[in-house]
C-alpha atoms as a PDB file:
ATOM      1  CA  MET A   1       8.112 -13.387 -17.681  1.00  0.00           C
ATOM      2  CA  VAL A   2       4.593 -14.002 -16.626  1.00  0.00           C
ATOM      3  CA  PRO A   3       1.403 -13.630 -18.753  1.00  0.00           C
ATOM      4  CA  VAL A   4      -0.376 -10.265 -18.799  1.00  0.00           C
ATOM      5  CA  ASP A   5      -3.494 -11.792 -16.928  1.00  0.00           C
ATOM      6  CA  ALA A   6      -1.585 -13.218 -14.130  1.00  0.00           C
ATOM      7  CA  SER A   7      -2.946 -10.703 -11.576  1.00  0.00           C
ATOM      8  CA  GLY A   8      -6.110 -12.584 -11.658  1.00  0.00           C
ATOM      9  CA  ARG A   9      -4.453 -15.632 -10.823  1.00  0.00           C
ATOM     10  CA  TRP A  10      -2.790 -13.829  -7.924  1.00  0.00           C
ATOM     11  CA  LEU A  11      -6.068 -12.294  -6.683  1.00  0.00           C
ATOM     12  CA  ALA A  12      -7.716 -15.882  -7.004  1.00  0.00           C
ATOM     13  CA  ALA A  13      -4.879 -17.252  -4.851  1.00  0.00           C
ATOM     14  CA  ALA A  14      -5.225 -14.384  -2.291  1.00  0.00           C
ATOM     15  CA  TRP A  15      -8.780 -14.964  -1.949  1.00  0.00           C
ATOM     16  CA  MET A  16      -8.176 -18.650  -1.247  1.00  0.00           C
ATOM     17  CA  ASP A  17      -5.984 -17.486   1.680  1.00  0.00           C
ATOM     18  CA  LEU A  18      -8.489 -15.384   3.156  1.00  0.00           C
ATOM     19  CA  ARG A  19     -10.937 -18.157   3.130  1.00  0.00           C
ATOM     20  CA  ARG A  20      -8.521 -20.497   4.905  1.00  0.00           C
ATOM     21  CA  THR A  21      -7.762 -17.750   7.522  1.00  0.00           C
ATOM     22  CA  PRO A  22     -10.872 -15.667   7.903  1.00  0.00           C
ATOM     23  CA  GLY A  23     -10.432 -14.761  11.491  1.00  0.00           C
ATOM     24  CA  LEU A  24      -7.035 -13.680  11.437  1.00  0.00           C
ATOM     25  CA  SER A  25      -7.118 -11.973   7.816  1.00  0.00           C
ATOM     26  CA  LEU A  26     -10.291  -9.685   8.866  1.00  0.00           C
ATOM     27  CA  GLY A  27      -8.817  -9.177  12.266  1.00  0.00           C
ATOM     28  CA  TYR A  28      -5.612  -7.860  10.788  1.00  0.00           C
ATOM     29  CA  GLY A  29      -7.450  -5.963   8.060  1.00  0.00           C
ATOM     30  CA  ALA A  30      -9.720  -4.391  10.831  1.00  0.00           C
ATOM     31  CA  VAL A  31      -6.722  -2.786  12.182  1.00  0.00           C
ATOM     32  CA  PHE A  32      -6.322  -0.511   9.056  1.00  0.00           C
ATOM     33  CA  VAL A  33      -9.941   0.304   9.443  1.00  0.00           C
ATOM     34  CA  VAL A  34      -9.596   1.337  13.106  1.00  0.00           C
ATOM     35  CA  VAL A  35      -6.350   3.570  12.239  1.00  0.00           C
ATOM     36  CA  SER A  36      -8.058   5.210   9.255  1.00  0.00           C
ATOM     37  CA  PHE A  37     -11.068   6.246  11.368  1.00  0.00           C
ATOM     38  CA  ALA A  38      -8.816   7.445  14.321  1.00  0.00           C
ATOM     39  CA  LEU A  39      -6.719   9.431  12.043  1.00  0.00           C
ATOM     40  CA  SER A  40      -9.731  10.921   9.901  1.00  0.00           C
ATOM     41  CA  PHE A  41     -11.805  11.745  12.979  1.00  0.00           C
ATOM     42  CA  GLY A  42      -8.452  13.091  14.764  1.00  0.00           C
ATOM     43  CA  LEU A  43      -7.901  15.456  11.949  1.00  0.00           C
ATOM     44  CA  ALA A  44     -11.338  16.552  11.539  1.00  0.00           C
ATOM     45  CA  ALA A  45     -11.702  17.388  15.269  1.00  0.00           C
ATOM     46  CA  LEU A  46      -8.381  19.509  15.018  1.00  0.00           C
ATOM     47  CA  ASP A  47      -9.961  21.372  11.725  1.00  0.00           C
ATOM     48  CA  LEU A  48      -7.291  19.691   9.620  1.00  0.00           C
ATOM     49  CA  GLY A  49      -9.571  17.620   7.301  1.00  0.00           C
ATOM     50  CA  SER A  50      -7.729  18.800   4.360  1.00  0.00           C
ATOM     51  CA  LEU A  51      -4.736  16.755   5.152  1.00  0.00           C
ATOM     52  CA  ILE A  52      -6.912  13.558   5.105  1.00  0.00           C
ATOM     53  CA  LEU A  53      -6.483  13.307   1.158  1.00  0.00           C
ATOM     54  CA  PRO A  54      -2.427  13.439   1.231  1.00  0.00           C
ATOM     55  CA  LEU A  55      -2.269  11.147   4.218  1.00  0.00           C
ATOM     56  CA  ALA A  56      -4.342   8.813   2.129  1.00  0.00           C
ATOM     57  CA  GLY A  57      -1.723   9.085  -0.630  1.00  0.00           C
ATOM     58  CA  GLY A  58       0.817   8.491   2.011  1.00  0.00           C
ATOM     59  CA  PHE A  59      -0.942   5.431   3.114  1.00  0.00           C
ATOM     60  CA  VAL A  60      -0.810   3.885  -0.393  1.00  0.00           C
ATOM     61  CA  LEU A  61       2.955   4.624  -0.365  1.00  0.00           C
ATOM     62  CA  MET A  62       3.545   2.943   2.897  1.00  0.00           C
ATOM     63  CA  ALA A  63       1.338   0.050   2.288  1.00  0.00           C
ATOM     64  CA  PRO A  64       3.887  -2.455   1.212  1.00  0.00           C
ATOM     65  CA  LEU A  65       5.422  -2.320   4.800  1.00  0.00           C
ATOM     66  CA  LEU A  66       2.334  -2.176   6.554  1.00  0.00           C
ATOM     67  CA  VAL A  67       0.951  -5.603   5.167  1.00  0.00           C
ATOM     68  CA  VAL A  68       4.127  -7.681   5.982  1.00  0.00           C
ATOM     69  CA  GLY A  69       2.318  -9.795   8.118  1.00  0.00           C
ATOM     70  CA  PHE A  70       0.061 -11.037   5.462  1.00  0.00           C
ATOM     71  CA  TYR A  71       3.116 -12.366   3.433  1.00  0.00           C
ATOM     72  CA  GLU A  72       4.144 -14.529   6.270  1.00  0.00           C
ATOM     73  CA  ILE A  73       0.680 -15.859   6.585  1.00  0.00           C
ATOM     74  CA  SER A  74       0.498 -16.837   2.809  1.00  0.00           C
ATOM     75  CA  ARG A  75       4.092 -18.240   3.258  1.00  0.00           C
ATOM     76  CA  ARG A  76       2.946 -20.400   6.297  1.00  0.00           C
ATOM     77  CA  LEU A  77      -0.155 -21.710   4.543  1.00  0.00           C
ATOM     78  CA  GLU A  78       1.924 -22.352   1.416  1.00  0.00           C
ATOM     79  CA  SER A  79       4.178 -24.671   3.845  1.00  0.00           C
ATOM     80  CA  GLY A  80       1.058 -26.547   5.139  1.00  0.00           C
ATOM     81  CA  GLU A  81       1.327 -24.650   8.513  1.00  0.00           C
ATOM     82  CA  THR A  82      -1.549 -22.866  10.504  1.00  0.00           C
ATOM     83  CA  PRO A  83      -0.837 -19.269  10.866  1.00  0.00           C
ATOM     84  CA  SER A  84      -1.452 -17.477  14.174  1.00  0.00           C
ATOM     85  CA  VAL A  85      -1.285 -14.067  15.591  1.00  0.00           C
ATOM     86  CA  GLY A  86       2.040 -14.980  16.630  1.00  0.00           C
ATOM     87  CA  THR A  87       2.894 -15.686  12.973  1.00  0.00           C
ATOM     88  CA  VAL A  88       2.110 -12.096  12.141  1.00  0.00           C
ATOM     89  CA  ALA A  89       4.286 -10.755  14.970  1.00  0.00           C
ATOM     90  CA  ARG A  90       7.116 -12.916  14.200  1.00  0.00           C
ATOM     91  CA  ALA A  91       7.279 -11.723  10.444  1.00  0.00           C
ATOM     92  CA  SER A  92       8.175  -8.310  11.654  1.00  0.00           C
ATOM     93  CA  TYR A  93      11.361  -9.964  13.297  1.00  0.00           C
ATOM     94  CA  ALA A  94      12.237 -11.936  10.066  1.00  0.00           C
ATOM     95  CA  ASN A  95      15.361 -10.194   8.700  1.00  0.00           C
ATOM     96  CA  ILE A  96      14.330  -7.334  10.832  1.00  0.00           C
ATOM     97  CA  GLY A  97      17.340  -5.274  10.230  1.00  0.00           C
ATOM     98  CA  GLN A  98      16.740  -5.335   6.475  1.00  0.00           C
ATOM     99  CA  VAL A  99      12.760  -4.986   6.614  1.00  0.00           C
ATOM    100  CA  GLY A 100      13.381  -2.028   8.887  1.00  0.00           C
ATOM    101  CA  ALA A 101      15.897  -0.353   6.431  1.00  0.00           C
ATOM    102  CA  MET A 102      13.507  -0.629   3.471  1.00  0.00           C
ATOM    103  CA  GLY A 103      10.673   0.568   5.822  1.00  0.00           C
ATOM    104  CA  ALA A 104      12.935   3.613   6.400  1.00  0.00           C
ATOM    105  CA  VAL A 105      13.331   4.119   2.499  1.00  0.00           C
ATOM    106  CA  LEU A 106       9.347   4.078   2.142  1.00  0.00           C
ATOM    107  CA  MET A 107       9.169   6.371   5.367  1.00  0.00           C
ATOM    108  CA  MET A 108      11.744   9.208   3.686  1.00  0.00           C
ATOM    109  CA  VAL A 109       9.425   8.857   0.353  1.00  0.00           C
ATOM    110  CA  PHE A 110       6.360   9.256   2.668  1.00  0.00           C
ATOM    111  CA  LEU A 111       7.983  12.295   4.283  1.00  0.00           C
ATOM    112  CA  VAL A 112       8.822  13.781   0.694  1.00  0.00           C
ATOM    113  CA  TRP A 113       5.112  13.149  -0.406  1.00  0.00           C
ATOM    114  CA  THR A 114       3.982  15.063   2.755  1.00  0.00           C
ATOM    115  CA  LEU A 115       6.116  17.919   2.396  1.00  0.00           C
ATOM    116  CA  LEU A 116       5.279  18.358  -1.673  1.00  0.00           C
ATOM    117  CA  ALA A 117       1.617  17.998  -0.384  1.00  0.00           C
ATOM    118  CA  LEU A 118       1.831  20.989   2.094  1.00  0.00           C
ATOM    119  CA  VAL A 119       3.830  23.107  -0.343  1.00  0.00           C
ATOM    120  CA  LEU A 120       0.984  22.364  -2.933  1.00  0.00           C
ATOM    121  CA  PHE A 121      -1.465  23.354  -0.398  1.00  0.00           C
ATOM    122  CA  ALA A 122       0.177  26.468   0.466  1.00  0.00           C
ATOM    123  CA  LEU A 123       0.734  27.530  -3.303  1.00  0.00           C
ATOM    124  CA  PHE A 124      -3.060  26.943  -4.041  1.00  0.00           C
ATOM    125  CA  TYR A 125      -4.593  28.080  -0.684  1.00  0.00           C
ATOM    126  CA  GLY A 126      -2.047  29.985   1.278  1.00  0.00           C
ATOM    127  CA  GLN A 127      -2.216  29.345   5.155  1.00  0.00           C
ATOM    128  CA  ASN A 128      -6.027  28.619   5.184  1.00  0.00           C
ATOM    129  CA  PRO A 129      -6.750  25.325   3.396  1.00  0.00           C
ATOM    130  CA  PRO A 130     -10.478  24.578   2.860  1.00  0.00           C
ATOM    131  CA  SER A 131     -12.185  23.289   5.893  1.00  0.00           C
ATOM    132  CA  LEU A 132     -13.709  19.631   5.931  1.00  0.00           C
ATOM    133  CA  ASP A 133     -17.192  20.840   5.437  1.00  0.00           C
ATOM    134  CA  ARG A 134     -16.319  22.637   2.451  1.00  0.00           C
ATOM    135  CA  PHE A 135     -13.489  20.408   1.058  1.00  0.00           C
ATOM    136  CA  VAL A 136     -15.122  18.360  -1.653  1.00  0.00           C
ATOM    137  CA  GLU A 137     -17.030  21.788  -2.962  1.00  0.00           C
ATOM    138  CA  GLU A 138     -13.503  23.596  -2.957  1.00  0.00           C
ATOM    139  CA  ILE A 139     -11.374  20.840  -4.524  1.00  0.00           C
ATOM    140  CA  VAL A 140     -13.604  19.016  -6.977  1.00  0.00           C
ATOM    141  CA  PHE A 141     -15.928  21.919  -8.061  1.00  0.00           C
ATOM    142  CA  SER A 142     -13.557  24.689  -8.595  1.00  0.00           C
ATOM    143  CA  VAL A 143     -10.753  25.603 -11.417  1.00  0.00           C
ATOM    144  CA  ARG A 144      -8.384  26.054  -8.556  1.00  0.00           C
ATOM    145  CA  GLY A 145      -9.186  22.964  -7.156  1.00  0.00           C
ATOM    146  CA  ALA A 146      -8.991  21.267 -10.392  1.00  0.00           C
ATOM    147  CA  MET A 147      -5.560  22.531 -10.870  1.00  0.00           C
ATOM    148  CA  PHE A 148      -4.543  21.348  -7.662  1.00  0.00           C
ATOM    149  CA  LEU A 149      -5.696  17.887  -8.134  1.00  0.00           C
ATOM    150  CA  ALA A 150      -4.076  17.475 -11.303  1.00  0.00           C
ATOM    151  CA  LEU A 151      -0.694  18.608 -10.124  1.00  0.00           C
ATOM    152  CA  GLY A 152      -1.138  16.581  -6.952  1.00  0.00           C
ATOM    153  CA  THR A 153      -2.046  13.462  -8.770  1.00  0.00           C
ATOM    154  CA  ALA A 154       0.927  13.935 -10.946  1.00  0.00           C
ATOM    155  CA  VAL A 155       3.548  14.322  -8.390  1.00  0.00           C
ATOM    156  CA  GLY A 156       1.911  11.576  -6.251  1.00  0.00           C
ATOM    157  CA  ALA A 157       1.881   9.368  -9.341  1.00  0.00           C
ATOM    158  CA  VAL A 158       5.625   9.744  -9.863  1.00  0.00           C
ATOM    159  CA  LEU A 159       6.147   8.972  -6.231  1.00  0.00           C
ATOM    160  CA  ALA A 160       3.804   6.074  -6.333  1.00  0.00           C
ATOM    161  CA  ALA A 161       5.666   4.551  -9.316  1.00  0.00           C
ATOM    162  CA  LEU A 162       9.148   4.676  -7.735  1.00  0.00           C
ATOM    163  CA  VAL A 163       7.735   3.119  -4.549  1.00  0.00           C
ATOM    164  CA  PHE A 164       5.953   0.393  -6.340  1.00  0.00           C
ATOM    165  CA  THR A 165       9.036  -0.405  -8.695  1.00  0.00           C
ATOM    166  CA  ILE A 166      11.387  -0.894  -5.606  1.00  0.00           C
ATOM    167  CA  SER A 167       8.742  -2.424  -3.143  1.00  0.00           C
ATOM    168  CA  ALA A 168       6.533  -4.526  -5.337  1.00  0.00           C
ATOM    169  CA  PHE A 169       8.714  -7.738  -4.556  1.00  0.00           C
ATOM    170  CA  SER A 170      11.165  -6.448  -2.167  1.00  0.00           C
ATOM    171  CA  PHE A 171       9.336  -6.967   1.114  1.00  0.00           C
ATOM    172  CA  PRO A 172       8.299 -10.629   0.261  1.00  0.00           C
ATOM    173  CA  LEU A 173      11.808 -11.450  -0.658  1.00  0.00           C
ATOM    174  CA  LEU A 174      13.124  -9.865   2.744  1.00  0.00           C
ATOM    175  CA  VAL A 175      10.749 -11.863   4.498  1.00  0.00           C
ATOM    176  CA  ASP A 176      11.380 -15.142   2.539  1.00  0.00           C
ATOM    177  CA  ARG A 177      15.198 -14.949   2.286  1.00  0.00           C
ATOM    178  CA  PRO A 178      18.219 -13.349   4.356  1.00  0.00           C
ATOM    179  CA  VAL A 179      19.049 -10.857   1.649  1.00  0.00           C
ATOM    180  CA  ASP A 180      19.941  -7.164   2.131  1.00  0.00           C
ATOM    181  CA  VAL A 181      17.905  -4.172   1.366  1.00  0.00           C
ATOM    182  CA  VAL A 182      20.030  -2.957  -1.752  1.00  0.00           C
ATOM    183  CA  ALA A 183      19.948  -6.562  -3.399  1.00  0.00           C
ATOM    184  CA  ALA A 184      15.848  -6.697  -2.635  1.00  0.00           C
ATOM    185  CA  ILE A 185      15.411  -3.488  -4.271  1.00  0.00           C
ATOM    186  CA  ALA A 186      17.596  -4.328  -7.394  1.00  0.00           C
ATOM    187  CA  VAL A 187      15.591  -7.625  -7.816  1.00  0.00           C
ATOM    188  CA  SER A 188      12.173  -5.776  -7.726  1.00  0.00           C
ATOM    189  CA  ALA A 189      13.235  -3.280  -9.890  1.00  0.00           C
ATOM    190  CA  ALA A 190      14.510  -5.696 -12.267  1.00  0.00           C
ATOM    191  CA  ALA A 191      11.482  -7.781 -12.166  1.00  0.00           C
ATOM    192  CA  VAL A 192       8.860  -4.906 -12.502  1.00  0.00           C
ATOM    193  CA  ARG A 193      10.822  -3.814 -15.708  1.00  0.00           C
ATOM    194  CA  ALA A 194      10.912  -7.246 -17.117  1.00  0.00           C
ATOM    195  CA  ASN A 195       7.300  -7.762 -16.440  1.00  0.00           C
ATOM    196  CA  TRP A 196       6.097  -4.255 -16.802  1.00  0.00           C
ATOM    197  CA  ARG A 197       2.828  -5.157 -18.948  1.00  0.00           C
ATOM    198  CA  VAL A 198       1.454  -7.191 -16.102  1.00  0.00           C
ATOM    199  CA  MET A 199       2.907  -5.102 -13.254  1.00  0.00           C
ATOM    200  CA  PHE A 200       1.219  -1.875 -14.755  1.00  0.00           C
ATOM    201  CA  GLY A 201      -2.150  -3.714 -14.740  1.00  0.00           C
ATOM    202  CA  TRP A 202      -1.354  -4.996 -11.211  1.00  0.00           C
ATOM    203  CA  ALA A 203      -0.618  -1.360 -10.036  1.00  0.00           C
ATOM    204  CA  ALA A 204      -3.767  -0.283 -11.625  1.00  0.00           C
ATOM    205  CA  LEU A 205      -5.704  -2.885  -9.514  1.00  0.00           C
ATOM    206  CA  ILE A 206      -4.070  -2.032  -6.354  1.00  0.00           C
ATOM    207  CA  VAL A 207      -5.184   1.641  -6.953  1.00  0.00           C
ATOM    208  CA  ILE A 208      -8.832   0.606  -7.761  1.00  0.00           C
ATOM    209  CA  LEU A 209      -9.042  -1.855  -4.729  1.00  0.00           C
ATOM    210  CA  THR A 210      -7.601   0.567  -2.351  1.00  0.00           C
ATOM    211  CA  GLY A 211      -9.874   3.073  -3.614  1.00  0.00           C
ATOM    212  CA  VAL A 212     -12.843   0.889  -2.835  1.00  0.00           C
ATOM    213  CA  GLY A 213     -11.532   0.511   0.579  1.00  0.00           C
ATOM    214  CA  PHE A 214     -11.296   4.420   1.091  1.00  0.00           C
ATOM    215  CA  PHE A 215     -14.758   5.148  -0.448  1.00  0.00           C
ATOM    216  CA  THR A 216     -16.564   2.485   1.752  1.00  0.00           C
ATOM    217  CA  LEU A 217     -15.938   4.506   4.686  1.00  0.00           C
ATOM    218  CA  PHE A 218     -12.729   2.545   5.297  1.00  0.00           C
ATOM    219  CA  PHE A 219     -14.661  -0.607   5.989  1.00  0.00           C
ATOM    220  CA  GLY A 220     -13.555  -2.295   2.966  1.00  0.00           C
ATOM    221  CA  LEU A 221     -10.087  -2.209   4.070  1.00  0.00           C
ATOM    222  CA  ALA A 222     -10.745  -5.145   6.396  1.00  0.00           C
ATOM    223  CA  VAL A 223     -10.828  -7.266   3.201  1.00  0.00           C
ATOM    224  CA  VAL A 224      -8.864  -5.104   0.564  1.00  0.00           C
ATOM    225  CA  MET A 225      -5.783  -5.192   2.729  1.00  0.00           C
ATOM    226  CA  PRO A 226      -5.569  -8.826   3.066  1.00  0.00           C
ATOM    227  CA  LEU A 227      -6.512  -9.540  -0.429  1.00  0.00           C
ATOM    228  CA  LEU A 228      -3.490  -7.064  -1.679  1.00  0.00           C
ATOM    229  CA  GLY A 229      -0.996  -8.582   0.825  1.00  0.00           C
ATOM    230  CA  TYR A 230      -1.611 -12.248  -0.056  1.00  0.00           C
ATOM    231  CA  ALA A 231      -1.809 -11.348  -3.671  1.00  0.00           C
ATOM    232  CA  THR A 232       1.548  -9.783  -3.450  1.00  0.00           C
ATOM    233  CA  TRP A 233       3.063 -12.800  -1.799  1.00  0.00           C
ATOM    234  CA  HIS A 234       1.635 -14.912  -4.593  1.00  0.00           C
ATOM    235  CA  ALA A 235       3.052 -12.447  -7.323  1.00  0.00           C
ATOM    236  CA  TYR A 236       6.398 -12.763  -5.660  1.00  0.00           C
ATOM    237  CA  ARG A 237       6.381 -16.548  -5.932  1.00  0.00           C
ATOM    238  CA  ASP A 238       4.852 -16.337  -9.598  1.00  0.00           C
ATOM    239  CA  VAL A 239       7.561 -13.785 -10.731  1.00  0.00           C
ATOM    240  CA  ILE A 240      10.697 -14.206  -8.491  1.00  0.00           C
ATOM    241  CA  GLN A 241      10.291 -17.876  -7.623  1.00  0.00           C
ATOM    242  CA  PRO A 242       8.361 -19.551 -10.659  1.00  0.00           C
ATOM    243  CA  HIS A 243       7.009 -22.953  -9.757  1.00  0.00           C
END
């Protein structure tokens, strides 16, 4: 078991990795900013701005897959190598079958979340969800909106807890070793259960930092995503492969 304050050590190590590869890290992180902007403006242009919130929740669910490249960067730095763009690309091909299978698991959870979000919108708002210009007022400052947020948050929290348990260490493990997805999920779940105190705090930090990325008009994601990716690798090394 690792100490309760271990997450601070993981973030400190992640910050060092970011400082050692600023161009690569921020360039990779900028991809998340661009994609987030494109999706948000696209939905707004189609008058589907109300879907931004559930898609943000879906982003959190898919994040462990999206930051696989950061695990490889940290792994290379740990080995004394100099990471490159090719390093990030090659991470996608390391144990690609099992990484893809794990990605498919997360995609299924994402689809379930999307379906549940649409059902919740239909239950509370029928066929006419609030437009983007009325979204905050309707969702945050109304009784119906408060009930919708409470129920949606509860459902999202259950799915997020499931995803966190099965993916907290499974993707780094799949990048690091030639194991199958079932074994990786089992190892991740066992490690989270055995270290539930520190992992609970780590999950809360992930939510807070991701929220900072969103509430800075997505620009913060350029720094937040590298930090979380690198910290996840160091968490894996600390918990699964203690030095």
